[in-house]
Amino acid sequence: MAGHRAVLAAGDSVTGVTVHEVTETLDAGPPIAQVEVRVLSGESAEELAERVLAVEHRTLVDVLASLAAEGSDQGASASMTAASPPTEAARAPHERRRTHA
């Protein structure tokens, strides 16, 4: 949420979503896709976060579909090969977790 608050505090008119290749450094991989999200006048950080999250979901699905159609392993294999098998807790129903604010 801090990122969305910072956007509003700075008076930015645009924020955005980036899907990038996974590298050893957090958020440092080359971008695969970027989508701008307009900041609406008078919206709260929570409202902005909700709108950005919806764009993140659509963008990720679009990127994965595109990579699958191309037969590419760009980005996707790096994150998937590094993933551990799901634990019992991960298989159980759970609340949505946000990893970025």
N, C-alpha and C. Protein backbone atom coordinates (compact mmCIF):
# COMPACT_ATOMS: atom_id res chain seq x y z
N MET A 1 0.82 -1.18 0.00
CA MET A 1 0.00 0.00 0.00
C MET A 1 0.88 1.26 0.00
N ALA A 2 2.08 1.14 0.52
CA ALA A 2 2.97 2.30 0.59
C ALA A 2 3.26 2.87 -0.79
N GLY A 3 3.41 2.01 -1.78
CA GLY A 3 3.68 2.48 -3.14
C GLY A 3 2.53 3.31 -3.69
N HIS A 4 1.30 2.87 -3.42
CA HIS A 4 0.13 3.60 -3.90
C HIS A 4 -0.02 4.93 -3.15
N ARG A 5 0.28 4.92 -1.86
CA ARG A 5 0.24 6.17 -1.09
C ARG A 5 1.28 7.16 -1.62
N ALA A 6 2.45 6.65 -1.97
CA ALA A 6 3.51 7.52 -2.50
C ALA A 6 3.11 8.13 -3.84
N VAL A 7 2.45 7.35 -4.68
CA VAL A 7 1.97 7.87 -5.96
C VAL A 7 1.00 9.02 -5.73
N LEU A 8 0.05 8.81 -4.81
CA LEU A 8 -0.94 9.85 -4.52
C LEU A 8 -0.29 11.08 -3.89
N ALA A 9 0.63 10.86 -2.96
CA ALA A 9 1.30 11.98 -2.28
C ALA A 9 2.12 12.82 -3.26
N ALA A 10 2.69 12.16 -4.27
CA ALA A 10 3.50 12.87 -5.25
C ALA A 10 2.63 13.60 -6.28
N GLY A 11 1.34 13.31 -6.28
CA GLY A 11 0.46 13.93 -7.26
C GLY A 11 0.60 13.36 -8.65
N ASP A 12 1.14 12.16 -8.76
CA ASP A 12 1.31 11.52 -10.07
C ASP A 12 -0.04 11.28 -10.71
N SER A 13 -0.11 11.42 -12.01
CA SER A 13 -1.36 11.18 -12.73
C SER A 13 -1.43 9.78 -13.30
N VAL A 14 -0.28 9.08 -13.28
CA VAL A 14 -0.19 7.73 -13.84
C VAL A 14 0.69 6.88 -12.95
N THR A 15 0.28 5.64 -12.77
CA THR A 15 1.11 4.62 -12.14
C THR A 15 1.11 3.46 -13.12
N GLY A 16 1.46 2.27 -12.71
CA GLY A 16 1.44 1.19 -13.69
C GLY A 16 1.78 -0.17 -13.15
N VAL A 17 1.78 -1.10 -14.09
CA VAL A 17 2.03 -2.51 -13.82
C VAL A 17 3.14 -2.95 -14.76
N THR A 18 4.09 -3.70 -14.24
CA THR A 18 5.15 -4.28 -15.06
C THR A 18 5.26 -5.76 -14.77
N VAL A 19 5.27 -6.56 -15.81
CA VAL A 19 5.60 -7.99 -15.71
C VAL A 19 7.00 -8.10 -16.28
N HIS A 20 7.90 -8.70 -15.52
CA HIS A 20 9.29 -8.77 -15.97
C HIS A 20 9.86 -10.15 -15.74
N GLU A 21 10.95 -10.43 -16.42
CA GLU A 21 11.66 -11.68 -16.20
C GLU A 21 12.17 -11.71 -14.77
N VAL A 22 12.23 -12.89 -14.20
CA VAL A 22 12.74 -13.06 -12.85
C VAL A 22 14.26 -13.15 -12.91
N THR A 23 14.91 -12.34 -12.07
CA THR A 23 16.36 -12.38 -11.95
C THR A 23 16.70 -12.51 -10.47
N GLU A 24 17.98 -12.59 -10.19
CA GLU A 24 18.40 -12.71 -8.79
C GLU A 24 18.07 -11.48 -7.97
N THR A 25 17.96 -10.32 -8.62
CA THR A 25 17.66 -9.07 -7.92
C THR A 25 16.18 -8.76 -8.07
N LEU A 26 15.52 -8.49 -6.96
CA LEU A 26 14.08 -8.24 -6.95
C LEU A 26 13.70 -7.11 -7.91
N ASP A 27 12.73 -7.39 -8.76
CA ASP A 27 12.17 -6.42 -9.71
C ASP A 27 13.20 -5.81 -10.67
N ALA A 28 14.28 -6.53 -10.96
CA ALA A 28 15.33 -5.98 -11.80
C ALA A 28 15.39 -6.60 -13.19
N GLY A 29 14.58 -7.62 -13.45
CA GLY A 29 14.63 -8.29 -14.74
C GLY A 29 14.08 -7.41 -15.86
N PRO A 30 14.44 -7.72 -17.08
CA PRO A 30 13.94 -6.94 -18.20
C PRO A 30 12.41 -7.04 -18.30
N PRO A 31 11.74 -5.93 -18.61
CA PRO A 31 10.28 -5.96 -18.69
C PRO A 31 9.80 -6.79 -19.88
N ILE A 32 8.71 -7.51 -19.65
CA ILE A 32 8.04 -8.27 -20.69
C ILE A 32 6.81 -7.48 -21.16
N ALA A 33 6.13 -6.84 -20.20
CA ALA A 33 4.94 -6.03 -20.53
C ALA A 33 4.78 -4.93 -19.49
N GLN A 34 4.30 -3.78 -19.93
CA GLN A 34 4.01 -2.67 -19.03
C GLN A 34 2.66 -2.07 -19.42
N VAL A 35 1.86 -1.75 -18.41
CA VAL A 35 0.54 -1.16 -18.64
C VAL A 35 0.40 0.03 -17.71
N GLU A 36 0.02 1.18 -18.28
CA GLU A 36 -0.23 2.37 -17.47
C GLU A 36 -1.60 2.29 -16.83
N VAL A 37 -1.70 2.82 -15.61
CA VAL A 37 -2.97 2.94 -14.90
C VAL A 37 -3.11 4.40 -14.49
N ARG A 38 -4.15 5.06 -14.99
CA ARG A 38 -4.40 6.46 -14.65
C ARG A 38 -4.83 6.57 -13.20
N VAL A 39 -4.34 7.58 -12.52
CA VAL A 39 -4.75 7.89 -11.15
C VAL A 39 -5.96 8.79 -11.25
N LEU A 40 -7.04 8.38 -10.60
CA LEU A 40 -8.29 9.15 -10.66
C LEU A 40 -8.31 10.21 -9.57
N SER A 41 -8.85 11.35 -9.90
CA SER A 41 -8.95 12.46 -8.96
C SER A 41 -9.74 12.04 -7.72
N GLY A 42 -9.17 12.28 -6.56
CA GLY A 42 -9.84 12.04 -5.30
C GLY A 42 -9.87 10.61 -4.83
N GLU A 43 -9.25 9.68 -5.55
CA GLU A 43 -9.31 8.29 -5.09
C GLU A 43 -8.34 8.05 -3.95
N SER A 44 -8.68 7.08 -3.13
CA SER A 44 -7.83 6.71 -1.99
C SER A 44 -6.76 5.72 -2.44
N ALA A 45 -5.78 5.50 -1.59
CA ALA A 45 -4.75 4.51 -1.88
C ALA A 45 -5.37 3.13 -2.02
N GLU A 46 -6.37 2.85 -1.22
CA GLU A 46 -7.04 1.54 -1.27
C GLU A 46 -7.77 1.37 -2.61
N GLU A 47 -8.44 2.42 -3.08
CA GLU A 47 -9.13 2.35 -4.37
C GLU A 47 -8.15 2.18 -5.52
N LEU A 48 -7.04 2.93 -5.46
CA LEU A 48 -6.01 2.80 -6.48
C LEU A 48 -5.42 1.40 -6.46
N ALA A 49 -5.14 0.89 -5.28
CA ALA A 49 -4.57 -0.45 -5.15
C ALA A 49 -5.50 -1.50 -5.76
N GLU A 50 -6.79 -1.36 -5.54
CA GLU A 50 -7.76 -2.31 -6.08
C GLU A 50 -7.77 -2.28 -7.61
N ARG A 51 -7.73 -1.08 -8.18
CA ARG A 51 -7.72 -0.96 -9.64
C ARG A 51 -6.42 -1.49 -10.24
N VAL A 52 -5.29 -1.19 -9.58
CA VAL A 52 -4.00 -1.68 -10.07
C VAL A 52 -3.95 -3.21 -9.99
N LEU A 53 -4.47 -3.77 -8.92
CA LEU A 53 -4.47 -5.23 -8.76
C LEU A 53 -5.25 -5.90 -9.89
N ALA A 54 -6.39 -5.32 -10.26
CA ALA A 54 -7.18 -5.88 -11.37
C ALA A 54 -6.38 -5.85 -12.67
N VAL A 55 -5.64 -4.76 -12.90
CA VAL A 55 -4.80 -4.67 -14.10
C VAL A 55 -3.65 -5.67 -14.02
N GLU A 56 -3.06 -5.84 -12.84
CA GLU A 56 -2.00 -6.84 -12.66
C GLU A 56 -2.50 -8.22 -13.05
N HIS A 57 -3.69 -8.59 -12.59
CA HIS A 57 -4.23 -9.92 -12.89
C HIS A 57 -4.44 -10.10 -14.39
N ARG A 58 -5.07 -9.13 -15.04
CA ARG A 58 -5.32 -9.23 -16.48
C ARG A 58 -4.02 -9.28 -17.25
N THR A 59 -3.06 -8.45 -16.87
CA THR A 59 -1.79 -8.37 -17.58
C THR A 59 -1.02 -9.68 -17.45
N LEU A 60 -0.99 -10.25 -16.27
CA LEU A 60 -0.26 -11.50 -16.07
C LEU A 60 -0.88 -12.62 -16.90
N VAL A 61 -2.21 -12.71 -16.91
CA VAL A 61 -2.88 -13.73 -17.71
C VAL A 61 -2.56 -13.52 -19.19
N ASP A 62 -2.62 -12.28 -19.66
CA ASP A 62 -2.32 -11.98 -21.07
C ASP A 62 -0.88 -12.37 -21.42
N VAL A 63 0.06 -12.03 -20.55
CA VAL A 63 1.46 -12.34 -20.81
C VAL A 63 1.68 -13.86 -20.84
N LEU A 64 1.11 -14.56 -19.89
CA LEU A 64 1.27 -16.02 -19.87
C LEU A 64 0.65 -16.67 -21.10
N ALA A 65 -0.51 -16.18 -21.53
CA ALA A 65 -1.14 -16.71 -22.74
C ALA A 65 -0.26 -16.45 -23.96
N SER A 66 0.30 -15.27 -24.03
CA SER A 66 1.17 -14.92 -25.15
C SER A 66 2.43 -15.79 -25.17
N LEU A 67 3.04 -15.96 -24.02
CA LEU A 67 4.24 -16.80 -23.93
C LEU A 67 3.93 -18.25 -24.30
N ALA A 68 2.78 -18.74 -23.84
CA ALA A 68 2.39 -20.12 -24.15
C ALA A 68 2.14 -20.27 -25.65
N ALA A 69 1.50 -19.29 -26.27
CA ALA A 69 1.22 -19.34 -27.70
C ALA A 69 2.50 -19.32 -28.53
N GLU A 70 3.49 -18.59 -28.02
CA GLU A 70 4.77 -18.50 -28.72
C GLU A 70 5.64 -19.73 -28.48
N GLY A 71 5.27 -20.52 -27.47
CA GLY A 71 6.12 -21.64 -27.10
C GLY A 71 7.38 -21.18 -26.41
N SER A 72 7.32 -19.98 -25.83
CA SER A 72 8.48 -19.36 -25.22
C SER A 72 8.61 -19.79 -23.76
N ASP A 73 9.84 -19.83 -23.28
CA ASP A 73 10.06 -20.03 -21.86
C ASP A 73 10.59 -18.76 -21.22
N GLN A 74 10.46 -17.63 -21.92
CA GLN A 74 10.96 -16.35 -21.42
C GLN A 74 10.30 -16.01 -20.10
N GLY A 75 11.09 -15.79 -19.08
CA GLY A 75 10.57 -15.36 -17.80
C GLY A 75 9.85 -16.43 -17.03
N ALA A 76 8.89 -17.10 -17.66
CA ALA A 76 8.05 -18.05 -16.94
C ALA A 76 8.86 -19.19 -16.36
N SER A 77 9.81 -19.73 -17.10
CA SER A 77 10.56 -20.87 -16.60
C SER A 77 11.42 -20.50 -15.41
N ALA A 78 11.93 -19.29 -15.39
CA ALA A 78 12.78 -18.88 -14.28
C ALA A 78 12.02 -18.89 -12.97
N SER A 79 10.78 -18.40 -13.01
CA SER A 79 10.01 -18.37 -11.76
C SER A 79 9.43 -19.74 -11.44
N MET A 80 9.08 -20.51 -12.46
CA MET A 80 8.46 -21.81 -12.19
C MET A 80 9.49 -22.84 -11.75
N THR A 81 10.68 -22.81 -12.31
CA THR A 81 11.67 -23.79 -11.92
C THR A 81 12.21 -23.51 -10.52
N ALA A 82 12.11 -22.28 -10.08
CA ALA A 82 12.59 -21.92 -8.75
C ALA A 82 11.55 -22.19 -7.67
N ALA A 83 10.31 -22.47 -8.08
CA ALA A 83 9.23 -22.66 -7.11
C ALA A 83 9.34 -24.03 -6.44
N SER A 84 9.05 -24.06 -5.16
CA SER A 84 9.00 -25.32 -4.43
C SER A 84 7.64 -25.95 -4.63
N PRO A 85 7.54 -27.27 -4.47
CA PRO A 85 6.22 -27.90 -4.55
C PRO A 85 5.31 -27.30 -3.48
N PRO A 86 4.00 -27.21 -3.75
CA PRO A 86 3.10 -26.61 -2.77
C PRO A 86 3.03 -27.43 -1.49
N THR A 87 2.94 -26.73 -0.39
CA THR A 87 2.78 -27.40 0.91
C THR A 87 1.30 -27.67 1.14
N GLU A 88 0.98 -28.44 2.17
CA GLU A 88 -0.42 -28.69 2.51
C GLU A 88 -1.13 -27.37 2.79
N ALA A 89 -0.47 -26.45 3.48
CA ALA A 89 -1.07 -25.15 3.79
C ALA A 89 -1.38 -24.38 2.51
N ALA A 90 -0.53 -24.49 1.51
CA ALA A 90 -0.74 -23.77 0.26
C ALA A 90 -1.91 -24.37 -0.52
N ARG A 91 -2.14 -25.68 -0.34
CA ARG A 91 -3.25 -26.33 -1.05
C ARG A 91 -4.59 -26.01 -0.42
N ALA A 92 -4.60 -25.66 0.87
CA ALA A 92 -5.84 -25.38 1.59
C ALA A 92 -6.37 -24.01 1.19
N PRO A 93 -7.69 -23.82 1.27
CA PRO A 93 -8.23 -22.48 0.99
C PRO A 93 -7.59 -21.45 1.91
N HIS A 94 -7.32 -20.29 1.37
CA HIS A 94 -6.66 -19.24 2.16
C HIS A 94 -7.11 -17.87 1.67
N GLU A 95 -6.81 -16.89 2.46
CA GLU A 95 -7.11 -15.51 2.07
C GLU A 95 -6.13 -15.06 1.01
N ARG A 96 -6.58 -14.16 0.16
CA ARG A 96 -5.69 -13.61 -0.87
C ARG A 96 -4.56 -12.87 -0.17
N ARG A 97 -3.35 -13.15 -0.61
CA ARG A 97 -2.19 -12.48 -0.06
C ARG A 97 -1.62 -11.54 -1.10
N ARG A 98 -1.26 -10.34 -0.67
CA ARG A 98 -0.62 -9.38 -1.57
C ARG A 98 0.85 -9.37 -1.24
N THR A 99 1.68 -9.46 -2.28
CA THR A 99 3.12 -9.50 -2.06
C THR A 99 3.77 -8.15 -2.27
N HIS A 100 3.08 -7.22 -2.92
CA HIS A 100 3.63 -5.89 -3.14
C HIS A 100 2.61 -4.87 -2.70
N ALA A 101 3.09 -3.82 -2.09
CA ALA A 101 2.17 -2.74 -1.67
C ALA A 101 2.35 -1.54 -2.56
